[in-house]
Amino acid sequence: MPIETRDFDVQNYLKTPEDQAAYIEAALKEGDPSFIAAALGDIARARGVTAFAAETGLSREAIYKAFKPGGNPTLETLAKATKALGLRLSVVAA
C-alpha cells in the first residue's frame, strides 16, 4: 500500500501568537529580507489577509505585494505588520 502524503502548508502551524513570533524570529535570524517578507506573508494568510489588513491599516493588495517571496516592504510597512502581531523590531549585536 503506498504512503499518502499531503503538501506542506506552514499556515497550519501558525495558529497562535507564540507560533507566529517564533516564525518571525527564525526568519530574522536567517537575515534574508525576501525570507522575512515571505514569512510575514505566511502569517498574514494564516490570520486571514482581510483581517490582517484591517489590523495593519494596509490594503490587501499592499500586503500581497510586500509580503511575498521577493517582496520588498518598506520599514513603515514592516512596523505596521509587526505592531499588528503584537511584536516590535529590535537590533542586537551579531
N, C-alpha and C. Protein backbone atom coordinates (compact mmCIF):
# COMPACT_ATOMS: atom_id res chain seq x y z
N MET A 1 0.85 -1.17 0.00
CA MET A 1 0.00 0.00 0.00
C MET A 1 0.91 1.24 0.00
N PRO A 2 0.71 2.18 -0.94
CA PRO A 2 1.55 3.38 -0.99
C PRO A 2 1.21 4.33 0.17
N ILE A 3 2.19 5.08 0.56
CA ILE A 3 2.01 6.09 1.61
C ILE A 3 1.35 7.32 1.01
N GLU A 4 0.34 7.80 1.68
CA GLU A 4 -0.32 9.03 1.23
C GLU A 4 0.38 10.22 1.86
N THR A 5 0.64 11.23 1.06
CA THR A 5 1.27 12.44 1.56
C THR A 5 0.40 13.65 1.23
N ARG A 6 0.64 14.72 1.95
CA ARG A 6 -0.04 15.98 1.70
C ARG A 6 1.02 17.05 1.50
N ASP A 7 0.67 18.08 0.76
CA ASP A 7 1.58 19.21 0.61
C ASP A 7 1.74 19.90 1.96
N PHE A 8 2.97 20.32 2.25
CA PHE A 8 3.23 21.06 3.48
C PHE A 8 2.70 22.47 3.33
N ASP A 9 2.00 22.95 4.33
CA ASP A 9 1.50 24.32 4.36
C ASP A 9 1.81 24.90 5.73
N VAL A 10 2.74 25.83 5.77
CA VAL A 10 3.19 26.40 7.04
C VAL A 10 2.05 27.07 7.80
N GLN A 11 1.03 27.52 7.09
CA GLN A 11 -0.09 28.18 7.75
C GLN A 11 -0.77 27.28 8.78
N ASN A 12 -0.68 25.97 8.58
CA ASN A 12 -1.26 25.03 9.54
C ASN A 12 -0.52 25.04 10.88
N TYR A 13 0.66 25.64 10.91
CA TYR A 13 1.49 25.64 12.11
C TYR A 13 1.65 27.04 12.70
N LEU A 14 0.88 27.98 12.22
CA LEU A 14 0.97 29.37 12.70
C LEU A 14 -0.33 29.81 13.35
N LYS A 15 -0.85 28.97 14.21
CA LYS A 15 -2.16 29.22 14.82
C LYS A 15 -2.12 30.22 15.98
N THR A 16 -1.06 30.19 16.78
CA THR A 16 -1.01 31.03 17.98
C THR A 16 -0.04 32.20 17.79
N PRO A 17 -0.23 33.27 18.56
CA PRO A 17 0.73 34.38 18.50
C PRO A 17 2.16 33.93 18.84
N GLU A 18 2.29 32.95 19.71
CA GLU A 18 3.63 32.46 20.07
C GLU A 18 4.28 31.75 18.87
N ASP A 19 3.49 30.96 18.15
CA ASP A 19 4.00 30.29 16.95
C ASP A 19 4.42 31.32 15.91
N GLN A 20 3.60 32.35 15.74
CA GLN A 20 3.89 33.39 14.76
C GLN A 20 5.15 34.17 15.14
N ALA A 21 5.31 34.49 16.42
CA ALA A 21 6.50 35.20 16.88
C ALA A 21 7.75 34.36 16.67
N ALA A 22 7.68 33.08 16.96
CA ALA A 22 8.83 32.20 16.77
C ALA A 22 9.19 32.10 15.29
N TYR A 23 8.19 32.08 14.44
CA TYR A 23 8.43 32.01 12.99
C TYR A 23 9.13 33.26 12.49
N ILE A 24 8.67 34.42 12.93
CA ILE A 24 9.31 35.68 12.54
C ILE A 24 10.73 35.75 13.08
N GLU A 25 10.92 35.33 14.32
CA GLU A 25 12.26 35.34 14.91
C GLU A 25 13.21 34.46 14.10
N ALA A 26 12.76 33.31 13.69
CA ALA A 26 13.60 32.43 12.86
C ALA A 26 13.91 33.08 11.52
N ALA A 27 12.92 33.74 10.93
CA ALA A 27 13.14 34.42 9.65
C ALA A 27 14.15 35.55 9.79
N LEU A 28 14.05 36.30 10.89
CA LEU A 28 15.00 37.38 11.12
C LEU A 28 16.42 36.87 11.31
N LYS A 29 16.55 35.72 11.96
CA LYS A 29 17.88 35.13 12.16
C LYS A 29 18.52 34.72 10.84
N GLU A 30 17.68 34.34 9.86
CA GLU A 30 18.20 33.99 8.53
C GLU A 30 18.87 35.20 7.88
N GLY A 31 18.31 36.39 8.14
CA GLY A 31 18.91 37.61 7.62
C GLY A 31 18.60 37.91 6.16
N ASP A 32 17.76 37.13 5.53
CA ASP A 32 17.41 37.34 4.13
C ASP A 32 16.11 38.14 4.06
N PRO A 33 16.16 39.39 3.57
CA PRO A 33 14.95 40.22 3.54
C PRO A 33 13.78 39.57 2.80
N SER A 34 14.05 38.84 1.74
CA SER A 34 12.98 38.18 0.99
C SER A 34 12.32 37.11 1.85
N PHE A 35 13.11 36.39 2.63
CA PHE A 35 12.58 35.35 3.51
C PHE A 35 11.72 35.97 4.61
N ILE A 36 12.17 37.09 5.15
CA ILE A 36 11.42 37.79 6.20
C ILE A 36 10.07 38.26 5.64
N ALA A 37 10.10 38.85 4.45
CA ALA A 37 8.85 39.31 3.82
C ALA A 37 7.91 38.14 3.59
N ALA A 38 8.44 37.03 3.09
CA ALA A 38 7.60 35.86 2.83
C ALA A 38 7.02 35.30 4.13
N ALA A 39 7.81 35.32 5.21
CA ALA A 39 7.32 34.83 6.50
C ALA A 39 6.16 35.68 6.99
N LEU A 40 6.27 36.99 6.85
CA LEU A 40 5.17 37.87 7.24
C LEU A 40 3.93 37.60 6.37
N GLY A 41 4.15 37.30 5.10
CA GLY A 41 3.04 36.94 4.23
C GLY A 41 2.37 35.66 4.66
N ASP A 42 3.18 34.69 5.09
CA ASP A 42 2.62 33.42 5.59
C ASP A 42 1.73 33.68 6.80
N ILE A 43 2.20 34.54 7.69
CA ILE A 43 1.42 34.85 8.88
C ILE A 43 0.15 35.61 8.51
N ALA A 44 0.25 36.54 7.57
CA ALA A 44 -0.94 37.28 7.13
C ALA A 44 -1.99 36.32 6.58
N ARG A 45 -1.56 35.34 5.79
CA ARG A 45 -2.51 34.36 5.24
C ARG A 45 -3.06 33.45 6.34
N ALA A 46 -2.22 33.10 7.32
CA ALA A 46 -2.69 32.25 8.43
C ALA A 46 -3.75 32.98 9.25
N ARG A 47 -3.60 34.27 9.42
CA ARG A 47 -4.57 35.07 10.18
C ARG A 47 -5.79 35.42 9.36
N GLY A 48 -5.62 35.40 8.05
CA GLY A 48 -6.64 35.88 7.12
C GLY A 48 -6.21 37.25 6.63
N VAL A 49 -5.97 37.38 5.35
CA VAL A 49 -5.41 38.63 4.82
C VAL A 49 -6.35 39.81 5.07
N THR A 50 -7.64 39.59 4.95
CA THR A 50 -8.58 40.69 5.19
C THR A 50 -8.48 41.18 6.63
N ALA A 51 -8.44 40.26 7.59
CA ALA A 51 -8.32 40.64 9.00
C ALA A 51 -6.97 41.31 9.26
N PHE A 52 -5.90 40.76 8.67
CA PHE A 52 -4.57 41.33 8.86
C PHE A 52 -4.51 42.73 8.26
N ALA A 53 -5.17 42.94 7.13
CA ALA A 53 -5.21 44.27 6.51
C ALA A 53 -5.89 45.26 7.45
N ALA A 54 -6.99 44.85 8.05
CA ALA A 54 -7.70 45.73 8.99
C ALA A 54 -6.83 46.04 10.21
N GLU A 55 -6.09 45.05 10.70
CA GLU A 55 -5.23 45.25 11.87
C GLU A 55 -4.06 46.19 11.57
N THR A 56 -3.54 46.14 10.34
CA THR A 56 -2.36 46.93 9.99
C THR A 56 -2.70 48.28 9.40
N GLY A 57 -3.90 48.42 8.84
CA GLY A 57 -4.25 49.65 8.13
C GLY A 57 -3.72 49.65 6.71
N LEU A 58 -3.22 48.50 6.25
CA LEU A 58 -2.73 48.36 4.89
C LEU A 58 -3.81 47.72 4.03
N SER A 59 -3.74 47.94 2.73
CA SER A 59 -4.70 47.28 1.84
C SER A 59 -4.28 45.83 1.64
N ARG A 60 -5.23 45.00 1.25
CA ARG A 60 -4.93 43.59 0.95
C ARG A 60 -3.90 43.51 -0.16
N GLU A 61 -4.03 44.38 -1.16
CA GLU A 61 -3.11 44.37 -2.29
C GLU A 61 -1.69 44.70 -1.82
N ALA A 62 -1.57 45.67 -0.92
CA ALA A 62 -0.25 46.05 -0.40
C ALA A 62 0.37 44.90 0.38
N ILE A 63 -0.44 44.16 1.10
CA ILE A 63 0.07 43.00 1.86
C ILE A 63 0.56 41.93 0.90
N TYR A 64 -0.25 41.61 -0.10
CA TYR A 64 0.16 40.58 -1.06
C TYR A 64 1.45 41.00 -1.79
N LYS A 65 1.56 42.26 -2.14
CA LYS A 65 2.72 42.75 -2.89
C LYS A 65 3.97 42.78 -2.02
N ALA A 66 3.86 43.29 -0.81
CA ALA A 66 5.03 43.47 0.05
C ALA A 66 5.50 42.17 0.68
N PHE A 67 4.57 41.30 1.05
CA PHE A 67 4.91 40.11 1.82
C PHE A 67 4.84 38.83 1.00
N LYS A 68 5.49 38.85 -0.13
CA LYS A 68 5.61 37.66 -0.98
C LYS A 68 7.10 37.36 -1.13
N PRO A 69 7.45 36.17 -1.53
CA PRO A 69 8.87 35.90 -1.80
C PRO A 69 9.39 36.90 -2.82
N GLY A 70 10.45 37.58 -2.49
CA GLY A 70 10.99 38.62 -3.35
C GLY A 70 10.38 39.98 -3.08
N GLY A 71 9.41 40.04 -2.17
CA GLY A 71 8.78 41.31 -1.82
C GLY A 71 9.78 42.23 -1.13
N ASN A 72 9.51 43.51 -1.19
CA ASN A 72 10.43 44.48 -0.60
C ASN A 72 9.63 45.50 0.20
N PRO A 73 9.11 45.10 1.37
CA PRO A 73 8.29 46.02 2.16
C PRO A 73 9.13 47.17 2.70
N THR A 74 8.49 48.31 2.83
CA THR A 74 9.17 49.46 3.43
C THR A 74 9.26 49.24 4.94
N LEU A 75 10.08 50.05 5.57
CA LEU A 75 10.19 49.98 7.02
C LEU A 75 8.86 50.31 7.68
N GLU A 76 8.13 51.25 7.10
CA GLU A 76 6.81 51.61 7.64
C GLU A 76 5.86 50.41 7.57
N THR A 77 5.87 49.68 6.46
CA THR A 77 5.02 48.51 6.30
C THR A 77 5.41 47.43 7.30
N LEU A 78 6.71 47.20 7.47
CA LEU A 78 7.18 46.23 8.47
C LEU A 78 6.75 46.63 9.87
N ALA A 79 6.86 47.90 10.18
CA ALA A 79 6.48 48.37 11.51
C ALA A 79 4.99 48.15 11.76
N LYS A 80 4.16 48.43 10.77
CA LYS A 80 2.71 48.22 10.92
C LYS A 80 2.40 46.74 11.11
N ALA A 81 3.07 45.90 10.32
CA ALA A 81 2.82 44.46 10.41
C ALA A 81 3.24 43.90 11.76
N THR A 82 4.43 44.26 12.21
CA THR A 82 4.89 43.72 13.49
C THR A 82 4.06 44.25 14.65
N LYS A 83 3.62 45.50 14.57
CA LYS A 83 2.77 46.05 15.62
C LYS A 83 1.45 45.29 15.68
N ALA A 84 0.88 44.99 14.52
CA ALA A 84 -0.38 44.23 14.48
C ALA A 84 -0.19 42.83 15.06
N LEU A 85 1.01 42.30 14.95
CA LEU A 85 1.31 40.97 15.51
C LEU A 85 1.62 41.03 17.01
N GLY A 86 1.66 42.25 17.56
CA GLY A 86 2.00 42.39 18.97
C GLY A 86 3.50 42.25 19.20
N LEU A 87 4.28 42.54 18.18
CA LEU A 87 5.74 42.42 18.25
C LEU A 87 6.37 43.78 18.01
N ARG A 88 7.66 43.86 18.26
CA ARG A 88 8.41 45.06 17.91
C ARG A 88 9.74 44.65 17.32
N LEU A 89 10.22 45.44 16.41
CA LEU A 89 11.52 45.17 15.81
C LEU A 89 12.61 45.65 16.76
N SER A 90 13.69 44.90 16.85
CA SER A 90 14.82 45.30 17.67
C SER A 90 16.10 44.87 17.00
N VAL A 91 17.19 45.44 17.46
CA VAL A 91 18.51 45.13 16.91
C VAL A 91 19.39 44.64 18.05
N VAL A 92 20.12 43.56 17.78
CA VAL A 92 21.08 43.03 18.76
C VAL A 92 22.40 42.80 18.04
N ALA A 93 23.47 42.81 18.79
CA ALA A 93 24.78 42.56 18.21
C ALA A 93 24.84 41.14 17.65
N ALA A 94 25.46 41.00 16.51
CA ALA A 94 25.54 39.69 15.85
C ALA A 94 26.53 38.78 16.56
